[in-house]
Every structure is written in C-alpha cells, then in structure tokens.
Amino acid sequence: MSKVIGIIPARKGSQSVAHKNFRNFHGKPLISWTIELALKSNLDRVIVSSDDINIIDYAKNLGAEAPFIRPKNLSEASTPIEPVIKHVYEYLIDKEKYKADAIALLLPTSPFRLLADINSAIEIYEKEKPTSVVSVSIAEANYNPHWMLVEKSGSVSLFNGKKLSEIKDRRQDLPEVFIRNDFIYLMNPKNLYETPPNLYGDKVHLLKIEEHRYDIDINSEKDWTVAENLFEYINKKHE
C-alpha cells in the first residue's frame, strides 16, 4: 500500500472572506470540518500548512500535524498551491526522511466533502495507478460552457466560438463536461516537479460525484451564505 498524506492548506489572509479558514461555520471553525474528516479517513497522515499560529494550535488540538509555520513567501495571496504542497512534501523528507507516495490536497473551503470521497480517491489511486485523481461534479445547464457566452470586440459568441444561433436548445443535448469541486486532488508527487508544476500529470482519473450532491466551494461572501443555508437544510433534512 502507498503512503498517502493529506495536506490542508490554510493561510491566515483571505481577500474575499476575512479569516475564512478560522471563521465559525455551523458551530466550529470552517477548517475543522476538513481536519476531522481527514483524520477519520484512510490517509496515513494529515498535515496542516498555515502561517497562522491560531490555526496551527487548533489543528494540533484536533489531532492533525502542523509541524511548522508556513514561510511568508508561500503565504501570499498570489502564491500558487503547488509550491505550498511541495514545501510540505520536501519538509517531511528533509526533517523525517519520510517520503510520501501520494499526496491528497484537501481544501478547507469545501465543507460538503464526505469521508467516502477521500477513501474512494485513495482506492482508485491504488487500483488504477493514475498520476492524479480529481473529484468533479457534472456541469449542468448554464454551468456547462457550451451555454456560456463570450464578448470580444463588441461581438458575442458561444464559449466554443460558435454563433449564438447554433446554441443547443435542450440541456440534454449538451456535451457532458465536469467542474472541479475541490473535494480532493490526489496526486503523484512527481507532478510537482513537472514543467510547469501541476496537480494532475498526464493520466488523470475523474472521481465523479453524484448529481444530487452539493458542492459549494467557499470563495466569496455569497458562497458563504449559500453554503451555510444549504448545510442547515441538509442537517434538518436528515434529523
């Protein structure tokens, strides 16, 4: 079996939602929903990467590892996620001689993730040997790019370059495409050393989430409000 670590990146700042990773979401900090789920999963280790001492202490109290304060140069709003993941991977090699075989990126802004999402991704990775497993949701109706419009130089066309007169009238006729829902990215560490570094590699397996599932990734105050309301609705529905 591969050694699979989970990495939860949670920097202090946020341009869209202030301190969102540590903000109260249905009774506890948003990040706790991801940490607690990851600790119950088949991941070998769960590591939080943060520049916020409050998040670091909180993660440790929950049982996750947070062995360092993330360097400032990896904590800027413009910092890509790949070097953040690579920093954790190389830290474990340098400090512990521990070399993970696979890395699961778990973004704390996805509170609708389920335990089965993590474990299914690990099972797929072990069985199919892809360079990555990426969780996705089907792009329905107006979220399908074949129904999206582009305006360029005063001219409007479909996203695929076709004229609006060629748009498909029925959603059932749209090509099946998918949206990354950020529940999990499970990857071979070698992807981080490609040019350019990336999460995917050249053999991607899609973990397709059921259509009835909710998949809000919180990136704005609007997302936060929608996620809170949906979360409350789901909890009441299952009471």
C-alpha atoms as a PDB file:
ATOM      1  CA  MET A   1       0.000   0.000   0.000  1.00  0.00           C
ATOM      2  CA  SER A   2       1.145   3.539  -0.775  1.00  0.00           C
ATOM      3  CA  LYS A   3       1.929   6.068   1.922  1.00  0.00           C
ATOM      4  CA  VAL A   4      -0.708   8.744   1.343  1.00  0.00           C
ATOM      5  CA  ILE A   5      -0.584  12.034   3.199  1.00  0.00           C
ATOM      6  CA  GLY A   6      -3.298  14.642   3.351  1.00  0.00           C
ATOM      7  CA  ILE A   7      -2.306  18.295   3.141  1.00  0.00           C
ATOM      8  CA  ILE A   8      -4.726  21.008   4.257  1.00  0.00           C
ATOM      9  CA  PRO A   9      -3.511  24.493   3.262  1.00  0.00           C
ATOM     10  CA  ALA A  10      -4.929  27.275   5.422  1.00  0.00           C
ATOM     11  CA  ARG A  11      -3.206  30.622   5.322  1.00  0.00           C
ATOM     12  CA  LYS A  12      -4.244  33.498   7.577  1.00  0.00           C
ATOM     13  CA  GLY A  13      -5.298  36.047   4.994  1.00  0.00           C
ATOM     14  CA  SER A  14      -8.187  35.987   2.561  1.00  0.00           C
ATOM     15  CA  GLN A  15      -9.091  38.660   0.059  1.00  0.00           C
ATOM     16  CA  SER A  16     -12.725  37.645  -0.393  1.00  0.00           C
ATOM     17  CA  VAL A  17     -13.848  36.362   3.035  1.00  0.00           C
ATOM     18  CA  ALA A  18     -11.919  37.671   6.034  1.00  0.00           C
ATOM     19  CA  HIS A  19     -10.172  34.888   8.015  1.00  0.00           C
ATOM     20  CA  LYS A  20     -12.474  32.368   6.334  1.00  0.00           C
ATOM     21  CA  ASN A  21     -10.499  29.257   7.306  1.00  0.00           C
ATOM     22  CA  PHE A  22     -10.964  30.014  11.007  1.00  0.00           C
ATOM     23  CA  ARG A  23     -14.376  31.655  10.746  1.00  0.00           C
ATOM     24  CA  ASN A  24     -17.283  29.956  12.513  1.00  0.00           C
ATOM     25  CA  PHE A  25     -19.228  27.675  10.202  1.00  0.00           C
ATOM     26  CA  HIS A  26     -22.148  25.944  11.899  1.00  0.00           C
ATOM     27  CA  GLY A  27     -20.640  25.892  15.360  1.00  0.00           C
ATOM     28  CA  LYS A  28     -16.928  25.496  14.689  1.00  0.00           C
ATOM     29  CA  PRO A  29     -14.136  26.905  12.544  1.00  0.00           C
ATOM     30  CA  LEU A  30     -14.542  26.112   8.854  1.00  0.00           C
ATOM     31  CA  ILE A  31     -11.239  24.248   8.737  1.00  0.00           C
ATOM     32  CA  SER A  32     -12.339  21.809  11.432  1.00  0.00           C
ATOM     33  CA  TRP A  33     -14.819  20.131   9.056  1.00  0.00           C
ATOM     34  CA  THR A  34     -11.946  19.159   6.770  1.00  0.00           C
ATOM     35  CA  ILE A  35      -9.485  18.204   9.523  1.00  0.00           C
ATOM     36  CA  GLU A  36     -11.932  15.970  11.383  1.00  0.00           C
ATOM     37  CA  LEU A  37     -12.995  14.188   8.208  1.00  0.00           C
ATOM     38  CA  ALA A  38      -9.409  13.673   7.053  1.00  0.00           C
ATOM     39  CA  LEU A  39      -8.467  12.151  10.414  1.00  0.00           C
ATOM     40  CA  LYS A  40     -11.260   9.582  10.047  1.00  0.00           C
ATOM     41  CA  SER A  41     -10.160   8.640   6.530  1.00  0.00           C
ATOM     42  CA  ASN A  42      -7.620   6.135   5.226  1.00  0.00           C
ATOM     43  CA  LEU A  43      -4.942   8.804   4.905  1.00  0.00           C
ATOM     44  CA  ASP A  44      -1.706   7.880   6.678  1.00  0.00           C
ATOM     45  CA  ARG A  45      -1.037  11.413   7.916  1.00  0.00           C
ATOM     46  CA  VAL A  46      -2.950  14.712   7.989  1.00  0.00           C
ATOM     47  CA  ILE A  47      -0.826  17.852   7.854  1.00  0.00           C
ATOM     48  CA  VAL A  48      -1.989  21.454   8.045  1.00  0.00           C
ATOM     49  CA  SER A  49       0.141  24.111   6.355  1.00  0.00           C
ATOM     50  CA  SER A  50      -0.538  27.576   7.769  1.00  0.00           C
ATOM     51  CA  ASP A  51       1.083  30.893   8.635  1.00  0.00           C
ATOM     52  CA  ASP A  52      -1.497  31.448  11.397  1.00  0.00           C
ATOM     53  CA  ILE A  53      -0.452  30.299  14.883  1.00  0.00           C
ATOM     54  CA  ASN A  54      -4.100  30.090  15.962  1.00  0.00           C
ATOM     55  CA  ILE A  55      -4.882  27.668  13.122  1.00  0.00           C
ATOM     56  CA  ILE A  56      -1.714  25.704  13.866  1.00  0.00           C
ATOM     57  CA  ASP A  57      -2.564  25.289  17.566  1.00  0.00           C
ATOM     58  CA  TYR A  58      -6.171  24.435  16.757  1.00  0.00           C
ATOM     59  CA  ALA A  59      -5.159  21.809  14.195  1.00  0.00           C
ATOM     60  CA  LYS A  60      -2.827  20.162  16.697  1.00  0.00           C
ATOM     61  CA  ASN A  61      -5.563  20.066  19.333  1.00  0.00           C
ATOM     62  CA  LEU A  62      -7.806  18.249  16.883  1.00  0.00           C
ATOM     63  CA  GLY A  63      -5.098  15.655  16.256  1.00  0.00           C
ATOM     64  CA  ALA A  64      -3.646  16.842  12.946  1.00  0.00           C
ATOM     65  CA  GLU A  65       0.016  17.619  12.389  1.00  0.00           C
ATOM     66  CA  ALA A  66       1.166  21.210  11.941  1.00  0.00           C
ATOM     67  CA  PRO A  67       4.951  20.949  12.328  1.00  0.00           C
ATOM     68  CA  PHE A  68       5.907  24.400  11.026  1.00  0.00           C
ATOM     69  CA  ILE A  69       4.763  27.950  10.377  1.00  0.00           C
ATOM     70  CA  ARG A  70       4.448  28.345   6.637  1.00  0.00           C
ATOM     71  CA  PRO A  71       7.112  30.712   5.238  1.00  0.00           C
ATOM     72  CA  LYS A  72       5.931  34.197   4.327  1.00  0.00           C
ATOM     73  CA  ASN A  73       6.914  33.795   0.677  1.00  0.00           C
ATOM     74  CA  LEU A  74       4.484  30.867   0.459  1.00  0.00           C
ATOM     75  CA  SER A  75       1.652  32.711   2.208  1.00  0.00           C
ATOM     76  CA  GLU A  76       0.880  35.481  -0.238  1.00  0.00           C
ATOM     77  CA  ALA A  77      -2.478  35.793  -1.999  1.00  0.00           C
ATOM     78  CA  SER A  78      -0.677  35.301  -5.313  1.00  0.00           C
ATOM     79  CA  THR A  79       1.157  32.117  -4.248  1.00  0.00           C
ATOM     80  CA  PRO A  80       0.153  29.086  -6.351  1.00  0.00           C
ATOM     81  CA  ILE A  81      -0.854  25.941  -4.486  1.00  0.00           C
ATOM     82  CA  GLU A  82       1.863  23.715  -5.999  1.00  0.00           C
ATOM     83  CA  PRO A  83       4.848  25.210  -4.111  1.00  0.00           C
ATOM     84  CA  VAL A  84       2.841  25.076  -0.881  1.00  0.00           C
ATOM     85  CA  ILE A  85       2.279  21.341  -1.319  1.00  0.00           C
ATOM     86  CA  LYS A  86       5.866  20.797  -2.438  1.00  0.00           C
ATOM     87  CA  HIS A  87       7.105  22.563   0.704  1.00  0.00           C
ATOM     88  CA  VAL A  88       5.280  20.069   2.948  1.00  0.00           C
ATOM     89  CA  TYR A  89       6.449  17.091   0.894  1.00  0.00           C
ATOM     90  CA  GLU A  90      10.097  18.179   0.994  1.00  0.00           C
ATOM     91  CA  TYR A  91       9.884  19.187   4.675  1.00  0.00           C
ATOM     92  CA  LEU A  92       8.956  15.619   5.617  1.00  0.00           C
ATOM     93  CA  ILE A  93      11.809  14.234   3.515  1.00  0.00           C
ATOM     94  CA  ASP A  94      14.323  16.677   4.972  1.00  0.00           C
ATOM     95  CA  LYS A  95      13.269  16.513   8.630  1.00  0.00           C
ATOM     96  CA  GLU A  96      11.998  12.943   8.940  1.00  0.00           C
ATOM     97  CA  LYS A  97      13.312  11.067   5.907  1.00  0.00           C
ATOM     98  CA  TYR A  98       9.618  10.362   5.228  1.00  0.00           C
ATOM     99  CA  LYS A  99       8.766  10.180   1.537  1.00  0.00           C
ATOM    100  CA  ALA A 100       5.080  10.081   0.699  1.00  0.00           C
ATOM    101  CA  ASP A 101       3.991   8.014  -2.297  1.00  0.00           C
ATOM    102  CA  ALA A 102       0.895  10.135  -2.901  1.00  0.00           C
ATOM    103  CA  ILE A 103      -0.488  13.459  -1.721  1.00  0.00           C
ATOM    104  CA  ALA A 104      -4.119  14.368  -1.114  1.00  0.00           C
ATOM    105  CA  LEU A 105      -4.867  18.077  -1.327  1.00  0.00           C
ATOM    106  CA  LEU A 106      -7.895  18.895   0.831  1.00  0.00           C
ATOM    107  CA  LEU A 107      -9.010  22.498   0.614  1.00  0.00           C
ATOM    108  CA  PRO A 108     -10.757  23.673   3.816  1.00  0.00           C
ATOM    109  CA  THR A 109     -13.234  25.745   1.792  1.00  0.00           C
ATOM    110  CA  SER A 110     -15.201  22.621   0.793  1.00  0.00           C
ATOM    111  CA  PRO A 111     -17.350  21.634   3.806  1.00  0.00           C
ATOM    112  CA  PHE A 112     -19.628  19.356   1.742  1.00  0.00           C
ATOM    113  CA  ARG A 113     -16.897  16.760   1.276  1.00  0.00           C
ATOM    114  CA  LEU A 114     -17.718  13.247   2.522  1.00  0.00           C
ATOM    115  CA  LEU A 115     -15.490  10.563   4.015  1.00  0.00           C
ATOM    116  CA  ALA A 116     -16.228   8.357   1.009  1.00  0.00           C
ATOM    117  CA  ASP A 117     -14.771  10.982  -1.330  1.00  0.00           C
ATOM    118  CA  ILE A 118     -11.351  10.713   0.279  1.00  0.00           C
ATOM    119  CA  ASN A 119     -11.359   6.939   0.633  1.00  0.00           C
ATOM    120  CA  SER A 120     -12.680   6.374  -2.889  1.00  0.00           C
ATOM    121  CA  ALA A 121      -9.922   8.543  -4.338  1.00  0.00           C
ATOM    122  CA  ILE A 122      -7.313   6.501  -2.457  1.00  0.00           C
ATOM    123  CA  GLU A 123      -8.829   3.233  -3.692  1.00  0.00           C
ATOM    124  CA  ILE A 124      -8.828   4.480  -7.292  1.00  0.00           C
ATOM    125  CA  TYR A 125      -5.224   5.645  -6.996  1.00  0.00           C
ATOM    126  CA  GLU A 126      -4.115   2.250  -5.674  1.00  0.00           C
ATOM    127  CA  LYS A 127      -6.038   0.289  -8.293  1.00  0.00           C
ATOM    128  CA  GLU A 128      -5.702   2.363 -11.463  1.00  0.00           C
ATOM    129  CA  LYS A 129      -2.245   3.909 -10.855  1.00  0.00           C
ATOM    130  CA  PRO A 130      -3.094   7.311 -12.405  1.00  0.00           C
ATOM    131  CA  THR A 131      -0.948  10.397 -11.990  1.00  0.00           C
ATOM    132  CA  SER A 132      -3.889  12.017 -10.193  1.00  0.00           C
ATOM    133  CA  VAL A 133      -7.470  11.537  -9.069  1.00  0.00           C
ATOM    134  CA  VAL A 134      -9.593  14.690  -9.305  1.00  0.00           C
ATOM    135  CA  SER A 135     -13.085  14.965  -7.836  1.00  0.00           C
ATOM    136  CA  VAL A 136     -15.592  16.626 -10.152  1.00  0.00           C
ATOM    137  CA  SER A 137     -19.279  17.430 -10.472  1.00  0.00           C
ATOM    138  CA  ILE A 138     -21.173  17.469 -13.742  1.00  0.00           C
ATOM    139  CA  ALA A 139     -21.580  20.960 -15.228  1.00  0.00           C
ATOM    140  CA  GLU A 140     -25.334  21.257 -15.525  1.00  0.00           C
ATOM    141  CA  ALA A 141     -27.340  23.628 -17.726  1.00  0.00           C
ATOM    142  CA  ASN A 142     -25.970  27.192 -17.569  1.00  0.00           C
ATOM    143  CA  TYR A 143     -22.796  25.946 -15.857  1.00  0.00           C
ATOM    144  CA  ASN A 144     -21.981  23.995 -18.995  1.00  0.00           C
ATOM    145  CA  PRO A 145     -19.504  26.037 -21.090  1.00  0.00           C
ATOM    146  CA  HIS A 146     -21.454  25.195 -24.254  1.00  0.00           C
ATOM    147  CA  TRP A 147     -24.180  27.514 -22.937  1.00  0.00           C
ATOM    148  CA  MET A 148     -21.751  30.252 -21.865  1.00  0.00           C
ATOM    149  CA  LEU A 149     -21.283  33.476 -23.814  1.00  0.00           C
ATOM    150  CA  VAL A 150     -18.123  35.406 -24.639  1.00  0.00           C
ATOM    151  CA  GLU A 151     -17.963  39.064 -25.594  1.00  0.00           C
ATOM    152  CA  LYS A 152     -14.967  40.157 -27.633  1.00  0.00           C
ATOM    153  CA  SER A 153     -14.545  43.422 -29.523  1.00  0.00           C
ATOM    154  CA  GLY A 154     -18.267  44.105 -29.261  1.00  0.00           C
ATOM    155  CA  SER A 155     -19.196  40.710 -30.705  1.00  0.00           C
ATOM    156  CA  VAL A 156     -20.923  37.995 -28.663  1.00  0.00           C
ATOM    157  CA  SER A 157     -20.493  34.286 -29.360  1.00  0.00           C
ATOM    158  CA  LEU A 158     -20.700  30.989 -27.548  1.00  0.00           C
ATOM    159  CA  PHE A 159     -17.714  29.999 -25.448  1.00  0.00           C
ATOM    160  CA  ASN A 160     -16.777  27.383 -28.038  1.00  0.00           C
ATOM    161  CA  GLY A 161     -16.608  30.073 -30.742  1.00  0.00           C
ATOM    162  CA  LYS A 162     -19.871  29.183 -32.453  1.00  0.00           C
ATOM    163  CA  LYS A 163     -22.641  31.680 -33.232  1.00  0.00           C
ATOM    164  CA  LEU A 164     -25.493  32.133 -30.765  1.00  0.00           C
ATOM    165  CA  SER A 165     -27.859  30.855 -33.448  1.00  0.00           C
ATOM    166  CA  GLU A 166     -26.104  27.478 -33.130  1.00  0.00           C
ATOM    167  CA  ILE A 167     -26.761  27.117 -29.403  1.00  0.00           C
ATOM    168  CA  LYS A 168     -28.349  23.826 -28.337  1.00  0.00           C
ATOM    169  CA  ASP A 169     -31.874  24.411 -27.051  1.00  0.00           C
ATOM    170  CA  ARG A 170     -32.091  21.448 -24.693  1.00  0.00           C
ATOM    171  CA  ARG A 171     -29.697  20.819 -21.813  1.00  0.00           C
ATOM    172  CA  GLN A 172     -29.999  17.094 -22.564  1.00  0.00           C
ATOM    173  CA  ASP A 173     -28.186  17.734 -25.859  1.00  0.00           C
ATOM    174  CA  LEU A 174     -25.196  19.420 -24.268  1.00  0.00           C
ATOM    175  CA  PRO A 175     -21.870  17.556 -24.240  1.00  0.00           C
ATOM    176  CA  GLU A 176     -21.050  16.127 -20.813  1.00  0.00           C
ATOM    177  CA  VAL A 177     -18.402  18.224 -19.089  1.00  0.00           C
ATOM    178  CA  PHE A 178     -17.306  18.487 -15.478  1.00  0.00           C
ATOM    179  CA  ILE A 179     -16.414  21.111 -12.877  1.00  0.00           C
ATOM    180  CA  ARG A 180     -13.682  20.584 -10.302  1.00  0.00           C
ATOM    181  CA  ASN A 181     -15.457  20.672  -6.944  1.00  0.00           C
ATOM    182  CA  ASP A 182     -12.289  20.798  -4.799  1.00  0.00           C
ATOM    183  CA  PHE A 183     -13.324  17.857  -2.583  1.00  0.00           C
ATOM    184  CA  ILE A 184      -9.992  16.175  -3.256  1.00  0.00           C
ATOM    185  CA  TYR A 185      -6.969  16.214  -5.543  1.00  0.00           C
ATOM    186  CA  LEU A 186      -4.939  13.052  -5.050  1.00  0.00           C
ATOM    187  CA  MET A 187      -1.641  13.157  -6.894  1.00  0.00           C
ATOM    188  CA  ASN A 188       1.699  11.589  -7.546  1.00  0.00           C
ATOM    189  CA  PRO A 189       4.367  13.914  -6.051  1.00  0.00           C
ATOM    190  CA  LYS A 190       6.206  13.775  -9.394  1.00  0.00           C
ATOM    191  CA  ASN A 191       3.567  16.150 -10.798  1.00  0.00           C
ATOM    192  CA  LEU A 192       5.009  18.908  -8.612  1.00  0.00           C
ATOM    193  CA  TYR A 193       8.339  18.639 -10.417  1.00  0.00           C
ATOM    194  CA  GLU A 194       6.990  18.870 -13.947  1.00  0.00           C
ATOM    195  CA  THR A 195       7.321  21.998 -16.103  1.00  0.00           C
ATOM    196  CA  PRO A 196       5.153  23.714 -15.132  1.00  0.00           C
ATOM    197  CA  PRO A 197       4.434  22.147 -11.718  1.00  0.00           C
ATOM    198  CA  ASN A 198       0.836  20.939 -11.546  1.00  0.00           C
ATOM    199  CA  LEU A 199      -1.614  18.774  -9.624  1.00  0.00           C
ATOM    200  CA  TYR A 200      -2.566  16.489 -12.494  1.00  0.00           C
ATOM    201  CA  GLY A 201       0.147  14.813 -14.532  1.00  0.00           C
ATOM    202  CA  ASP A 202      -0.750  13.148 -17.826  1.00  0.00           C
ATOM    203  CA  LYS A 203      -3.000  10.319 -16.618  1.00  0.00           C
ATOM    204  CA  VAL A 204      -5.939  11.867 -14.760  1.00  0.00           C
ATOM    205  CA  HIS A 205      -8.793   9.833 -13.323  1.00  0.00           C
ATOM    206  CA  LEU A 206     -12.024  11.701 -12.588  1.00  0.00           C
ATOM    207  CA  LEU A 207     -13.846  10.911  -9.359  1.00  0.00           C
ATOM    208  CA  LYS A 208     -17.381  11.799 -10.450  1.00  0.00           C
ATOM    209  CA  ILE A 209     -19.602  12.945  -7.606  1.00  0.00           C
ATOM    210  CA  GLU A 210     -23.289  12.044  -7.709  1.00  0.00           C
ATOM    211  CA  GLU A 211     -25.557  14.671  -9.265  1.00  0.00           C
ATOM    212  CA  HIS A 212     -27.675  15.045  -6.111  1.00  0.00           C
ATOM    213  CA  ARG A 213     -24.680  16.157  -4.034  1.00  0.00           C
ATOM    214  CA  TYR A 214     -23.976  19.778  -3.113  1.00  0.00           C
ATOM    215  CA  ASP A 215     -20.502  21.079  -3.861  1.00  0.00           C
ATOM    216  CA  ILE A 216     -20.136  24.711  -2.782  1.00  0.00           C
ATOM    217  CA  ASP A 217     -16.501  25.858  -2.634  1.00  0.00           C
ATOM    218  CA  ILE A 218     -16.418  28.992  -0.481  1.00  0.00           C
ATOM    219  CA  ASN A 219     -14.585  31.812  -2.227  1.00  0.00           C
ATOM    220  CA  SER A 220     -16.856  34.800  -1.525  1.00  0.00           C
ATOM    221  CA  GLU A 221     -19.391  36.102   0.980  1.00  0.00           C
ATOM    222  CA  LYS A 222     -22.109  34.965  -1.401  1.00  0.00           C
ATOM    223  CA  ASP A 223     -20.668  31.439  -1.399  1.00  0.00           C
ATOM    224  CA  TRP A 224     -20.511  31.544   2.403  1.00  0.00           C
ATOM    225  CA  THR A 225     -24.180  32.465   2.714  1.00  0.00           C
ATOM    226  CA  VAL A 226     -25.281  29.808   0.214  1.00  0.00           C
ATOM    227  CA  ALA A 227     -23.108  27.163   1.909  1.00  0.00           C
ATOM    228  CA  GLU A 228     -24.464  27.964   5.375  1.00  0.00           C
ATOM    229  CA  ASN A 229     -28.069  27.787   4.205  1.00  0.00           C
ATOM    230  CA  LEU A 230     -27.517  24.530   2.324  1.00  0.00           C
ATOM    231  CA  PHE A 231     -25.654  22.997   5.238  1.00  0.00           C
ATOM    232  CA  GLU A 232     -28.514  23.848   7.588  1.00  0.00           C
ATOM    233  CA  TYR A 233     -31.059  22.474   5.112  1.00  0.00           C
ATOM    234  CA  ILE A 234     -29.180  19.178   4.766  1.00  0.00           C
ATOM    235  CA  ASN A 235     -28.840  18.766   8.538  1.00  0.00           C
ATOM    236  CA  LYS A 236     -32.542  19.389   9.110  1.00  0.00           C
ATOM    237  CA  LYS A 237     -33.436  17.009   6.279  1.00  0.00           C
ATOM    238  CA  HIS A 238     -31.518  14.189   7.976  1.00  0.00           C
ATOM    239  CA  GLU A 239     -32.735  14.828  11.522  1.00  0.00           C
END
